[in-house]
Amino acid sequence: MHSRRHFRGHLTVAAIAALGLIVAASHAAAQSAFATVEYVPANSNPPVPAGLKVTCVKSADSGAAPSATCPIVKYQGITTWAYSYIDNRVSLALVSYDSSNNVIANVEKPGARYIFEAASSGRTETVLFVGQDKRYVTATWAELGPK
């Protein structure tokens, strides 16, 4: 009888542990289902494709005054940086990287340059990228996710 009770105790502990893992796994899956914005050191970027540059500014009205941080977007294991063009065109290059820092997408979005901030919307499943002079561009989560 004692051993049966002991066995049930282990079974209960195992079930609770398994449930905890399932809850943790579902939580992680739920997090990756949303595009999130993080601010990282401006010099922590992966290799920048030719013709592009990292230009993150302190505020939308600060001209080209550099910021110590840049907004990046993380979505389904992909990290996207908003780069400016070396020729200073008013466009952002949304460059998406896999976990090994391989470029998997490079999308030009005309209308803004010199990134200031980004915001993700779960309602519209888009990311708003705000640059110099409060000019902005948007991208869908699908544009920033795995291809």
N, C-alpha and C. Protein backbone atom coordinates (compact mmCIF):
# COMPACT_ATOMS: atom_id res chain seq x y z
N MET A 1 0.82 -1.18 0.00
CA MET A 1 0.00 0.00 0.00
C MET A 1 0.86 1.25 0.00
N HIS A 2 1.89 1.23 0.81
CA HIS A 2 2.79 2.38 0.87
C HIS A 2 3.43 2.65 -0.49
N SER A 3 3.83 1.60 -1.21
CA SER A 3 4.48 1.78 -2.49
C SER A 3 3.50 2.30 -3.54
N ARG A 4 2.22 1.90 -3.46
CA ARG A 4 1.23 2.40 -4.40
C ARG A 4 1.01 3.90 -4.18
N ARG A 5 0.93 4.33 -2.90
CA ARG A 5 0.78 5.74 -2.57
C ARG A 5 2.01 6.51 -3.05
N HIS A 6 3.16 5.93 -2.84
CA HIS A 6 4.42 6.54 -3.27
C HIS A 6 4.43 6.71 -4.80
N PHE A 7 3.94 5.68 -5.52
CA PHE A 7 3.87 5.71 -6.97
C PHE A 7 2.92 6.82 -7.42
N ARG A 8 1.73 6.92 -6.77
CA ARG A 8 0.76 7.96 -7.12
C ARG A 8 1.34 9.35 -6.88
N GLY A 9 2.12 9.47 -5.81
CA GLY A 9 2.76 10.77 -5.54
C GLY A 9 3.70 11.16 -6.65
N HIS A 10 4.51 10.21 -7.13
CA HIS A 10 5.41 10.48 -8.24
C HIS A 10 4.64 10.80 -9.52
N LEU A 11 3.54 10.07 -9.73
CA LEU A 11 2.71 10.30 -10.90
C LEU A 11 2.12 11.70 -10.86
N THR A 12 1.65 12.13 -9.70
CA THR A 12 1.10 13.47 -9.55
C THR A 12 2.16 14.53 -9.83
N VAL A 13 3.34 14.34 -9.27
CA VAL A 13 4.44 15.29 -9.50
C VAL A 13 4.79 15.34 -10.98
N ALA A 14 4.85 14.18 -11.64
CA ALA A 14 5.17 14.12 -13.07
C ALA A 14 4.10 14.83 -13.89
N ALA A 15 2.83 14.64 -13.53
CA ALA A 15 1.73 15.28 -14.25
C ALA A 15 1.79 16.79 -14.10
N ILE A 16 2.05 17.25 -12.89
CA ILE A 16 2.16 18.69 -12.66
C ILE A 16 3.35 19.27 -13.44
N ALA A 17 4.47 18.58 -13.43
CA ALA A 17 5.65 19.04 -14.17
C ALA A 17 5.36 19.09 -15.66
N ALA A 18 4.67 18.05 -16.19
CA ALA A 18 4.33 18.03 -17.61
C ALA A 18 3.39 19.18 -17.95
N LEU A 19 2.42 19.43 -17.10
CA LEU A 19 1.50 20.54 -17.32
C LEU A 19 2.25 21.86 -17.34
N GLY A 20 3.19 22.02 -16.45
CA GLY A 20 4.01 23.23 -16.42
C GLY A 20 4.78 23.41 -17.72
N LEU A 21 5.31 22.32 -18.25
CA LEU A 21 6.04 22.41 -19.53
C LEU A 21 5.10 22.76 -20.66
N ILE A 22 3.89 22.20 -20.65
CA ILE A 22 2.92 22.51 -21.69
C ILE A 22 2.53 23.98 -21.62
N VAL A 23 2.27 24.48 -20.42
CA VAL A 23 1.92 25.89 -20.25
C VAL A 23 3.08 26.77 -20.71
N ALA A 24 4.30 26.43 -20.33
CA ALA A 24 5.46 27.21 -20.75
C ALA A 24 5.61 27.18 -22.26
N ALA A 25 5.43 26.03 -22.88
CA ALA A 25 5.54 25.91 -24.33
C ALA A 25 4.46 26.73 -25.02
N SER A 26 3.21 26.68 -24.50
CA SER A 26 2.15 27.47 -25.11
C SER A 26 2.42 28.96 -24.95
N HIS A 27 2.96 29.35 -23.81
CA HIS A 27 3.29 30.75 -23.58
C HIS A 27 4.35 31.21 -24.59
N ALA A 28 5.38 30.39 -24.80
CA ALA A 28 6.43 30.74 -25.76
C ALA A 28 5.85 30.81 -27.16
N ALA A 29 4.97 29.89 -27.52
CA ALA A 29 4.35 29.91 -28.84
C ALA A 29 3.49 31.15 -29.00
N ALA A 30 2.76 31.53 -27.95
CA ALA A 30 1.93 32.73 -28.03
C ALA A 30 2.79 33.97 -28.21
N GLN A 31 3.93 34.02 -27.53
CA GLN A 31 4.80 35.18 -27.67
C GLN A 31 5.32 35.30 -29.09
N SER A 32 5.70 34.19 -29.72
CA SER A 32 6.26 34.26 -31.05
C SER A 32 5.19 34.55 -32.10
N ALA A 33 3.91 34.46 -31.73
CA ALA A 33 2.83 34.75 -32.66
C ALA A 33 2.64 36.25 -32.86
N PHE A 34 3.30 37.07 -32.06
CA PHE A 34 3.18 38.52 -32.14
C PHE A 34 4.52 39.16 -32.48
N ALA A 35 4.49 40.14 -33.35
CA ALA A 35 5.71 40.90 -33.64
C ALA A 35 5.94 41.86 -32.48
N THR A 36 7.14 41.83 -31.91
CA THR A 36 7.46 42.71 -30.80
C THR A 36 8.60 43.64 -31.17
N VAL A 37 8.61 44.80 -30.56
CA VAL A 37 9.67 45.79 -30.78
C VAL A 37 10.56 45.82 -29.55
N GLU A 38 11.86 45.78 -29.78
CA GLU A 38 12.84 45.91 -28.71
C GLU A 38 13.81 47.02 -29.10
N TYR A 39 14.39 47.66 -28.10
CA TYR A 39 15.43 48.66 -28.35
C TYR A 39 16.76 48.07 -27.92
N VAL A 40 17.69 48.03 -28.86
CA VAL A 40 19.00 47.40 -28.63
C VAL A 40 20.09 48.42 -28.92
N PRO A 41 21.31 48.18 -28.41
CA PRO A 41 22.41 49.11 -28.72
C PRO A 41 22.57 49.28 -30.24
N ALA A 42 22.76 50.50 -30.66
CA ALA A 42 22.86 50.81 -32.09
C ALA A 42 24.01 50.08 -32.76
N ASN A 43 25.04 49.74 -32.01
CA ASN A 43 26.20 49.07 -32.61
C ASN A 43 26.11 47.54 -32.50
N SER A 44 24.94 47.01 -32.18
CA SER A 44 24.80 45.55 -32.03
C SER A 44 24.19 44.89 -33.26
N ASN A 45 24.16 45.62 -34.36
CA ASN A 45 23.54 45.11 -35.57
C ASN A 45 24.32 43.95 -36.20
N PRO A 46 23.60 43.09 -36.92
CA PRO A 46 24.28 42.05 -37.70
C PRO A 46 24.93 42.71 -38.92
N PRO A 47 25.61 41.94 -39.78
CA PRO A 47 26.24 42.54 -40.97
C PRO A 47 25.22 43.31 -41.81
N VAL A 48 25.59 44.53 -42.18
CA VAL A 48 24.69 45.41 -42.94
C VAL A 48 24.93 45.18 -44.43
N PRO A 49 23.87 44.93 -45.20
CA PRO A 49 24.03 44.74 -46.64
C PRO A 49 24.63 45.99 -47.31
N ALA A 50 25.30 45.78 -48.43
CA ALA A 50 25.92 46.87 -49.20
C ALA A 50 24.89 47.93 -49.55
N GLY A 51 25.30 49.18 -49.46
CA GLY A 51 24.44 50.30 -49.81
C GLY A 51 23.57 50.80 -48.68
N LEU A 52 23.67 50.15 -47.52
CA LEU A 52 22.84 50.54 -46.38
C LEU A 52 23.71 50.96 -45.21
N LYS A 53 23.08 51.64 -44.24
CA LYS A 53 23.80 52.06 -43.03
C LYS A 53 22.84 52.07 -41.85
N VAL A 54 23.42 51.94 -40.65
CA VAL A 54 22.64 52.04 -39.42
C VAL A 54 22.56 53.52 -39.07
N THR A 55 21.33 54.06 -39.07
CA THR A 55 21.13 55.45 -38.67
C THR A 55 19.89 55.53 -37.79
N CYS A 56 20.10 55.44 -36.50
CA CYS A 56 19.01 55.56 -35.53
C CYS A 56 19.17 56.92 -34.87
N VAL A 57 18.09 57.67 -34.80
CA VAL A 57 18.16 59.04 -34.27
C VAL A 57 17.47 59.16 -32.92
N LYS A 58 17.86 60.20 -32.18
CA LYS A 58 17.35 60.41 -30.81
C LYS A 58 15.87 60.75 -30.77
N SER A 59 15.41 61.51 -31.73
CA SER A 59 14.00 61.87 -31.78
C SER A 59 13.63 62.14 -33.23
N ALA A 60 12.34 62.19 -33.48
CA ALA A 60 11.87 62.43 -34.84
C ALA A 60 12.23 63.84 -35.32
N ASP A 61 12.54 64.73 -34.37
CA ASP A 61 12.85 66.12 -34.74
C ASP A 61 14.31 66.49 -34.49
N SER A 62 15.18 65.50 -34.28
CA SER A 62 16.57 65.80 -33.93
C SER A 62 17.52 65.81 -35.12
N GLY A 63 16.98 65.87 -36.33
CA GLY A 63 17.84 65.80 -37.50
C GLY A 63 18.47 64.42 -37.56
N ALA A 64 19.79 64.40 -37.68
CA ALA A 64 20.48 63.11 -37.75
C ALA A 64 21.27 62.83 -36.48
N ALA A 65 20.91 63.47 -35.35
CA ALA A 65 21.62 63.23 -34.08
C ALA A 65 21.47 61.76 -33.71
N PRO A 66 22.60 61.03 -33.63
CA PRO A 66 22.52 59.59 -33.42
C PRO A 66 22.01 59.20 -32.02
N SER A 67 21.29 58.10 -32.01
CA SER A 67 20.79 57.52 -30.76
C SER A 67 21.69 56.37 -30.36
N ALA A 68 21.75 56.09 -29.09
CA ALA A 68 22.54 54.94 -28.59
C ALA A 68 21.81 53.63 -28.82
N THR A 69 20.50 53.71 -29.11
CA THR A 69 19.71 52.49 -29.32
C THR A 69 18.95 52.56 -30.64
N CYS A 70 18.58 51.39 -31.11
CA CYS A 70 17.77 51.25 -32.33
C CYS A 70 16.60 50.32 -32.05
N PRO A 71 15.44 50.62 -32.64
CA PRO A 71 14.33 49.68 -32.51
C PRO A 71 14.50 48.54 -33.51
N ILE A 72 14.28 47.33 -33.04
CA ILE A 72 14.27 46.16 -33.93
C ILE A 72 12.96 45.43 -33.72
N VAL A 73 12.59 44.62 -34.69
CA VAL A 73 11.35 43.85 -34.59
C VAL A 73 11.71 42.37 -34.56
N LYS A 74 11.10 41.65 -33.63
CA LYS A 74 11.27 40.20 -33.55
C LYS A 74 9.92 39.56 -33.81
N TYR A 75 9.94 38.61 -34.76
CA TYR A 75 8.69 37.94 -35.12
C TYR A 75 9.00 36.54 -35.64
N GLN A 76 8.48 35.54 -34.99
CA GLN A 76 8.61 34.14 -35.37
C GLN A 76 10.06 33.74 -35.64
N GLY A 77 10.96 34.15 -34.74
CA GLY A 77 12.36 33.77 -34.87
C GLY A 77 13.17 34.63 -35.82
N ILE A 78 12.55 35.64 -36.40
CA ILE A 78 13.21 36.53 -37.34
C ILE A 78 13.41 37.89 -36.67
N THR A 79 14.57 38.51 -36.91
CA THR A 79 14.86 39.84 -36.37
C THR A 79 15.00 40.80 -37.55
N THR A 80 14.28 41.92 -37.48
CA THR A 80 14.30 42.90 -38.57
C THR A 80 14.87 44.22 -38.08
N TRP A 81 15.84 44.72 -38.83
CA TRP A 81 16.43 46.04 -38.60
C TRP A 81 15.95 46.98 -39.69
N ALA A 82 15.73 48.25 -39.33
CA ALA A 82 15.36 49.28 -40.30
C ALA A 82 16.60 50.12 -40.59
N TYR A 83 17.19 49.91 -41.76
CA TYR A 83 18.41 50.63 -42.14
C TYR A 83 18.06 51.79 -43.07
N SER A 84 18.98 52.75 -43.14
CA SER A 84 18.87 53.85 -44.10
C SER A 84 19.79 53.54 -45.28
N TYR A 85 19.58 54.24 -46.36
CA TYR A 85 20.40 54.06 -47.56
C TYR A 85 21.57 55.03 -47.54
N ILE A 86 22.70 54.57 -48.00
CA ILE A 86 23.90 55.41 -48.05
C ILE A 86 23.67 56.65 -48.92
N ASP A 87 22.85 56.52 -49.97
CA ASP A 87 22.59 57.67 -50.86
C ASP A 87 21.56 58.64 -50.28
N ASN A 88 21.13 58.41 -49.03
CA ASN A 88 20.21 59.28 -48.28
C ASN A 88 18.82 59.42 -48.89
N ARG A 89 18.40 58.46 -49.69
CA ARG A 89 17.03 58.51 -50.21
C ARG A 89 16.06 58.40 -49.03
N VAL A 90 14.87 58.89 -49.22
CA VAL A 90 13.87 58.86 -48.16
C VAL A 90 13.13 57.51 -48.23
N SER A 91 13.84 56.49 -47.78
CA SER A 91 13.32 55.12 -47.73
C SER A 91 14.01 54.39 -46.59
N LEU A 92 13.34 53.41 -46.06
CA LEU A 92 13.96 52.50 -45.11
C LEU A 92 14.12 51.14 -45.78
N ALA A 93 15.20 50.48 -45.47
CA ALA A 93 15.40 49.10 -45.89
C ALA A 93 15.10 48.22 -44.69
N LEU A 94 14.05 47.45 -44.75
CA LEU A 94 13.70 46.54 -43.66
C LEU A 94 14.38 45.21 -43.96
N VAL A 95 15.47 44.97 -43.24
CA VAL A 95 16.29 43.79 -43.49
C VAL A 95 16.02 42.78 -42.38
N SER A 96 15.55 41.61 -42.79
CA SER A 96 15.20 40.55 -41.84
C SER A 96 16.27 39.46 -41.84
N TYR A 97 16.62 39.02 -40.63
CA TYR A 97 17.68 38.03 -40.43
C TYR A 97 17.13 36.81 -39.71
N ASP A 98 17.67 35.64 -40.07
CA ASP A 98 17.34 34.44 -39.31
C ASP A 98 18.22 34.37 -38.07
N SER A 99 18.13 33.30 -37.30
CA SER A 99 18.86 33.20 -36.04
C SER A 99 20.38 33.10 -36.24
N SER A 100 20.83 32.82 -37.47
CA SER A 100 22.27 32.78 -37.76
C SER A 100 22.76 34.06 -38.42
N ASN A 101 21.94 35.11 -38.40
CA ASN A 101 22.25 36.41 -39.02
C ASN A 101 22.39 36.35 -40.53
N ASN A 102 21.69 35.40 -41.17
CA ASN A 102 21.62 35.37 -42.62
C ASN A 102 20.45 36.25 -43.05
N VAL A 103 20.66 37.09 -44.07
CA VAL A 103 19.58 37.93 -44.57
C VAL A 103 18.57 37.04 -45.28
N ILE A 104 17.31 37.14 -44.86
CA ILE A 104 16.27 36.35 -45.52
C ILE A 104 15.29 37.24 -46.28
N ALA A 105 15.33 38.56 -46.03
CA ALA A 105 14.49 39.50 -46.77
C ALA A 105 15.10 40.89 -46.64
N ASN A 106 14.93 41.67 -47.69
CA ASN A 106 15.38 43.06 -47.71
C ASN A 106 14.34 43.82 -48.50
N VAL A 107 13.45 44.52 -47.79
CA VAL A 107 12.31 45.19 -48.41
C VAL A 107 12.50 46.70 -48.29
N GLU A 108 12.44 47.41 -49.42
CA GLU A 108 12.51 48.88 -49.39
C GLU A 108 11.12 49.43 -49.15
N LYS A 109 11.03 50.36 -48.19
CA LYS A 109 9.78 51.04 -47.87
C LYS A 109 10.00 52.55 -48.03
N PRO A 110 9.59 53.12 -49.15
CA PRO A 110 9.75 54.56 -49.36
C PRO A 110 8.86 55.37 -48.42
N GLY A 111 9.36 56.56 -48.01
CA GLY A 111 8.55 57.47 -47.21
C GLY A 111 9.18 57.94 -45.92
N ALA A 112 10.22 57.27 -45.44
CA ALA A 112 10.87 57.67 -44.19
C ALA A 112 12.34 57.26 -44.25
N ARG A 113 13.14 57.92 -43.43
CA ARG A 113 14.55 57.52 -43.26
C ARG A 113 14.97 57.87 -41.85
N TYR A 114 16.13 57.38 -41.43
CA TYR A 114 16.70 57.62 -40.10
C TYR A 114 15.71 57.23 -39.01
N ILE A 115 15.68 55.96 -38.70
CA ILE A 115 14.69 55.39 -37.78
C ILE A 115 14.78 55.99 -36.38
N PHE A 116 13.61 56.27 -35.81
CA PHE A 116 13.51 56.81 -34.46
C PHE A 116 12.83 55.80 -33.53
N GLU A 117 11.68 55.29 -33.95
CA GLU A 117 10.96 54.33 -33.12
C GLU A 117 10.12 53.41 -34.00
N ALA A 118 9.63 52.36 -33.37
CA ALA A 118 8.75 51.41 -34.05
C ALA A 118 7.68 50.96 -33.07
N ALA A 119 6.52 50.61 -33.60
CA ALA A 119 5.42 50.13 -32.76
C ALA A 119 4.67 49.04 -33.52
N SER A 120 4.35 47.98 -32.81
CA SER A 120 3.66 46.84 -33.41
C SER A 120 2.20 46.84 -32.96
N SER A 121 1.30 46.54 -33.90
CA SER A 121 -0.12 46.49 -33.59
C SER A 121 -0.66 45.08 -33.80
N GLY A 122 -1.18 44.49 -32.74
CA GLY A 122 -1.80 43.18 -32.84
C GLY A 122 -3.14 43.24 -33.56
N ARG A 123 -3.79 44.38 -33.50
CA ARG A 123 -5.09 44.54 -34.15
C ARG A 123 -4.96 44.52 -35.67
N THR A 124 -3.97 45.25 -36.20
CA THR A 124 -3.79 45.32 -37.66
C THR A 124 -2.68 44.40 -38.17
N GLU A 125 -1.94 43.77 -37.24
CA GLU A 125 -0.80 42.92 -37.57
C GLU A 125 0.19 43.66 -38.49
N THR A 126 0.51 44.88 -38.06
CA THR A 126 1.48 45.69 -38.79
C THR A 126 2.47 46.29 -37.80
N VAL A 127 3.59 46.76 -38.35
CA VAL A 127 4.57 47.50 -37.56
C VAL A 127 4.72 48.87 -38.21
N LEU A 128 4.65 49.89 -37.39
CA LEU A 128 4.84 51.27 -37.81
C LEU A 128 6.28 51.66 -37.49
N PHE A 129 7.02 52.12 -38.50
CA PHE A 129 8.40 52.57 -38.32
C PHE A 129 8.41 54.09 -38.49
N VAL A 130 8.82 54.82 -37.44
CA VAL A 130 8.83 56.28 -37.47
C VAL A 130 10.26 56.76 -37.60
N GLY A 131 10.46 57.70 -38.52
CA GLY A 131 11.80 58.22 -38.76
C GLY A 131 11.88 59.72 -38.59
N GLN A 132 12.92 60.28 -39.20
CA GLN A 132 13.19 61.71 -39.15
C GLN A 132 11.95 62.50 -39.63
N ASP A 133 11.72 63.64 -39.00
CA ASP A 133 10.61 64.53 -39.34
C ASP A 133 9.24 63.87 -39.19
N LYS A 134 9.15 62.85 -38.34
CA LYS A 134 7.91 62.12 -38.06
C LYS A 134 7.32 61.46 -39.30
N ARG A 135 8.15 61.21 -40.29
CA ARG A 135 7.70 60.46 -41.46
C ARG A 135 7.69 58.99 -41.08
N TYR A 136 6.80 58.23 -41.66
CA TYR A 136 6.68 56.84 -41.25
C TYR A 136 6.35 55.93 -42.43
N VAL A 137 6.62 54.66 -42.22
CA VAL A 137 6.22 53.60 -43.14
C VAL A 137 5.66 52.45 -42.31
N THR A 138 4.89 51.60 -42.95
CA THR A 138 4.36 50.43 -42.25
C THR A 138 4.73 49.17 -43.02
N ALA A 139 4.79 48.08 -42.27
CA ALA A 139 5.01 46.76 -42.86
C ALA A 139 4.10 45.78 -42.17
N THR A 140 3.61 44.82 -42.89
CA THR A 140 2.79 43.78 -42.27
C THR A 140 3.72 42.80 -41.56
N TRP A 141 3.17 42.11 -40.57
CA TRP A 141 3.94 41.08 -39.88
C TRP A 141 4.40 40.03 -40.88
N ALA A 142 3.56 39.71 -41.86
CA ALA A 142 3.91 38.70 -42.86
C ALA A 142 5.17 39.11 -43.64
N GLU A 143 5.33 40.40 -43.90
CA GLU A 143 6.51 40.88 -44.62
C GLU A 143 7.79 40.68 -43.79
N LEU A 144 7.65 40.63 -42.46
CA LEU A 144 8.79 40.54 -41.57
C LEU A 144 9.05 39.13 -41.06
N GLY A 145 8.18 38.20 -41.40
CA GLY A 145 8.29 36.84 -40.87
C GLY A 145 9.05 35.90 -41.78
N PRO A 146 9.06 34.63 -41.41
CA PRO A 146 9.78 33.62 -42.21
C PRO A 146 9.22 33.56 -43.63
N LYS A 147 10.09 33.29 -44.56
CA LYS A 147 9.68 33.21 -45.99
C LYS A 147 9.54 31.78 -46.41
